[in-house]
Amino acid sequence: MSTSTRSLELLGLLQNRRHWPGDELARRLGVSQRTLRRAVDGLQELGYPMRPA
């Protein structure tokens, strides 16, 4: 899965439900928690406000 596709899927999941456990998001995206953190960091760099629960 490309980085942009992963980011779009992550945004879609976050639109459906605001709070997710990191391990559940990683599982749904089929990535490691490290890759999930990088995807979240990338969205933050683009201006999406993200914060841990």
N, C-alpha and C. Protein backbone atom coordinates (compact mmCIF):
# COMPACT_ATOMS: atom_id res chain seq x y z
N MET A 1 0.85 -1.17 0.00
CA MET A 1 0.00 0.00 0.00
C MET A 1 0.90 1.24 0.00
N SER A 2 0.60 2.20 -0.83
CA SER A 2 1.41 3.41 -0.90
C SER A 2 1.14 4.30 0.32
N THR A 3 2.07 5.20 0.56
CA THR A 3 1.93 6.12 1.69
C THR A 3 0.68 6.97 1.56
N SER A 4 0.40 7.47 0.37
CA SER A 4 -0.79 8.32 0.19
C SER A 4 -2.07 7.52 0.38
N THR A 5 -2.10 6.29 -0.09
CA THR A 5 -3.27 5.44 0.10
C THR A 5 -3.47 5.16 1.59
N ARG A 6 -2.40 4.87 2.28
CA ARG A 6 -2.47 4.62 3.73
C ARG A 6 -3.00 5.85 4.45
N SER A 7 -2.52 7.03 4.07
CA SER A 7 -2.97 8.26 4.71
C SER A 7 -4.46 8.49 4.48
N LEU A 8 -4.92 8.23 3.27
CA LEU A 8 -6.35 8.39 2.98
C LEU A 8 -7.19 7.39 3.76
N GLU A 9 -6.72 6.16 3.87
CA GLU A 9 -7.45 5.16 4.65
C GLU A 9 -7.48 5.54 6.13
N LEU A 10 -6.37 6.05 6.63
CA LEU A 10 -6.31 6.48 8.01
C LEU A 10 -7.30 7.62 8.25
N LEU A 11 -7.32 8.59 7.36
CA LEU A 11 -8.28 9.69 7.49
C LEU A 11 -9.71 9.18 7.47
N GLY A 12 -10.00 8.23 6.61
CA GLY A 12 -11.34 7.65 6.55
C GLY A 12 -11.73 6.98 7.85
N LEU A 13 -10.81 6.23 8.44
CA LEU A 13 -11.09 5.58 9.72
C LEU A 13 -11.34 6.63 10.81
N LEU A 14 -10.53 7.69 10.81
CA LEU A 14 -10.67 8.71 11.83
C LEU A 14 -11.95 9.53 11.66
N GLN A 15 -12.47 9.60 10.45
CA GLN A 15 -13.75 10.29 10.24
C GLN A 15 -14.91 9.47 10.80
N ASN A 16 -14.77 8.15 10.76
CA ASN A 16 -15.84 7.28 11.25
C ASN A 16 -15.85 7.20 12.77
N ARG A 17 -14.70 7.29 13.36
CA ARG A 17 -14.59 7.19 14.82
C ARG A 17 -13.39 8.01 15.26
N ARG A 18 -13.59 8.91 16.17
CA ARG A 18 -12.54 9.85 16.55
C ARG A 18 -11.42 9.20 17.36
N HIS A 19 -11.75 8.34 18.27
CA HIS A 19 -10.74 7.74 19.16
C HIS A 19 -10.56 6.27 18.83
N TRP A 20 -9.33 5.89 18.54
CA TRP A 20 -8.97 4.50 18.23
C TRP A 20 -7.74 4.12 19.04
N PRO A 21 -7.68 2.91 19.54
CA PRO A 21 -6.41 2.42 20.09
C PRO A 21 -5.42 2.25 18.92
N GLY A 22 -4.16 2.60 19.16
CA GLY A 22 -3.16 2.52 18.10
C GLY A 22 -3.02 1.13 17.50
N ASP A 23 -3.08 0.11 18.36
CA ASP A 23 -2.94 -1.24 17.83
C ASP A 23 -4.10 -1.63 16.92
N GLU A 24 -5.28 -1.13 17.21
CA GLU A 24 -6.45 -1.42 16.36
C GLU A 24 -6.33 -0.71 15.02
N LEU A 25 -5.91 0.55 15.04
CA LEU A 25 -5.70 1.28 13.77
C LEU A 25 -4.65 0.58 12.93
N ALA A 26 -3.54 0.20 13.54
CA ALA A 26 -2.47 -0.48 12.81
C ALA A 26 -2.99 -1.78 12.20
N ARG A 27 -3.77 -2.53 12.96
CA ARG A 27 -4.31 -3.80 12.46
C ARG A 27 -5.23 -3.55 11.27
N ARG A 28 -6.11 -2.58 11.38
CA ARG A 28 -7.04 -2.29 10.28
C ARG A 28 -6.32 -1.83 9.01
N LEU A 29 -5.21 -1.12 9.19
CA LEU A 29 -4.45 -0.66 8.03
C LEU A 29 -3.46 -1.71 7.53
N GLY A 30 -3.25 -2.76 8.34
CA GLY A 30 -2.32 -3.81 7.94
C GLY A 30 -0.87 -3.38 8.02
N VAL A 31 -0.56 -2.54 9.02
CA VAL A 31 0.80 -2.03 9.17
C VAL A 31 1.26 -2.20 10.62
N SER A 32 2.54 -1.95 10.85
CA SER A 32 3.07 -1.98 12.21
C SER A 32 2.70 -0.68 12.92
N GLN A 33 2.84 -0.68 14.24
CA GLN A 33 2.56 0.55 14.98
C GLN A 33 3.56 1.65 14.61
N ARG A 34 4.78 1.26 14.28
CA ARG A 34 5.78 2.24 13.85
C ARG A 34 5.33 2.92 12.55
N THR A 35 4.85 2.13 11.60
CA THR A 35 4.37 2.69 10.34
C THR A 35 3.16 3.58 10.58
N LEU A 36 2.29 3.19 11.50
CA LEU A 36 1.13 4.01 11.85
C LEU A 36 1.59 5.35 12.41
N ARG A 37 2.58 5.33 13.29
CA ARG A 37 3.09 6.59 13.86
C ARG A 37 3.64 7.50 12.76
N ARG A 38 4.33 6.91 11.79
CA ARG A 38 4.85 7.72 10.68
C ARG A 38 3.71 8.31 9.86
N ALA A 39 2.63 7.54 9.67
CA ALA A 39 1.48 8.04 8.92
C ALA A 39 0.82 9.20 9.67
N VAL A 40 0.69 9.06 10.98
CA VAL A 40 0.11 10.13 11.80
C VAL A 40 1.02 11.37 11.74
N ASP A 41 2.32 11.17 11.85
CA ASP A 41 3.26 12.29 11.75
C ASP A 41 3.11 13.00 10.40
N GLY A 42 2.95 12.23 9.34
CA GLY A 42 2.79 12.82 8.01
C GLY A 42 1.53 13.66 7.91
N LEU A 43 0.45 13.18 8.51
CA LEU A 43 -0.80 13.96 8.50
C LEU A 43 -0.65 15.23 9.32
N GLN A 44 0.08 15.15 10.43
CA GLN A 44 0.31 16.34 11.24
C GLN A 44 1.12 17.37 10.46
N GLU A 45 2.11 16.91 9.70
CA GLU A 45 2.92 17.83 8.89
C GLU A 45 2.07 18.52 7.83
N LEU A 46 1.00 17.87 7.40
CA LEU A 46 0.11 18.46 6.40
C LEU A 46 -0.93 19.38 7.05
N GLY A 47 -0.90 19.49 8.38
CA GLY A 47 -1.80 20.40 9.06
C GLY A 47 -3.01 19.77 9.72
N TYR A 48 -3.10 18.45 9.68
CA TYR A 48 -4.22 17.78 10.36
C TYR A 48 -3.91 17.73 11.85
N PRO A 49 -4.82 18.27 12.68
CA PRO A 49 -4.55 18.24 14.11
C PRO A 49 -4.77 16.82 14.66
N MET A 50 -3.74 16.25 15.20
CA MET A 50 -3.81 14.90 15.77
C MET A 50 -3.17 14.97 17.14
N ARG A 51 -3.81 14.32 18.09
CA ARG A 51 -3.22 14.25 19.42
C ARG A 51 -3.59 12.92 20.05
N PRO A 52 -2.71 12.42 20.89
CA PRO A 52 -3.02 11.16 21.57
C PRO A 52 -4.19 11.35 22.53
N ALA A 53 -4.93 10.29 22.73
CA ALA A 53 -6.07 10.36 23.66
C ALA A 53 -5.60 10.35 25.08
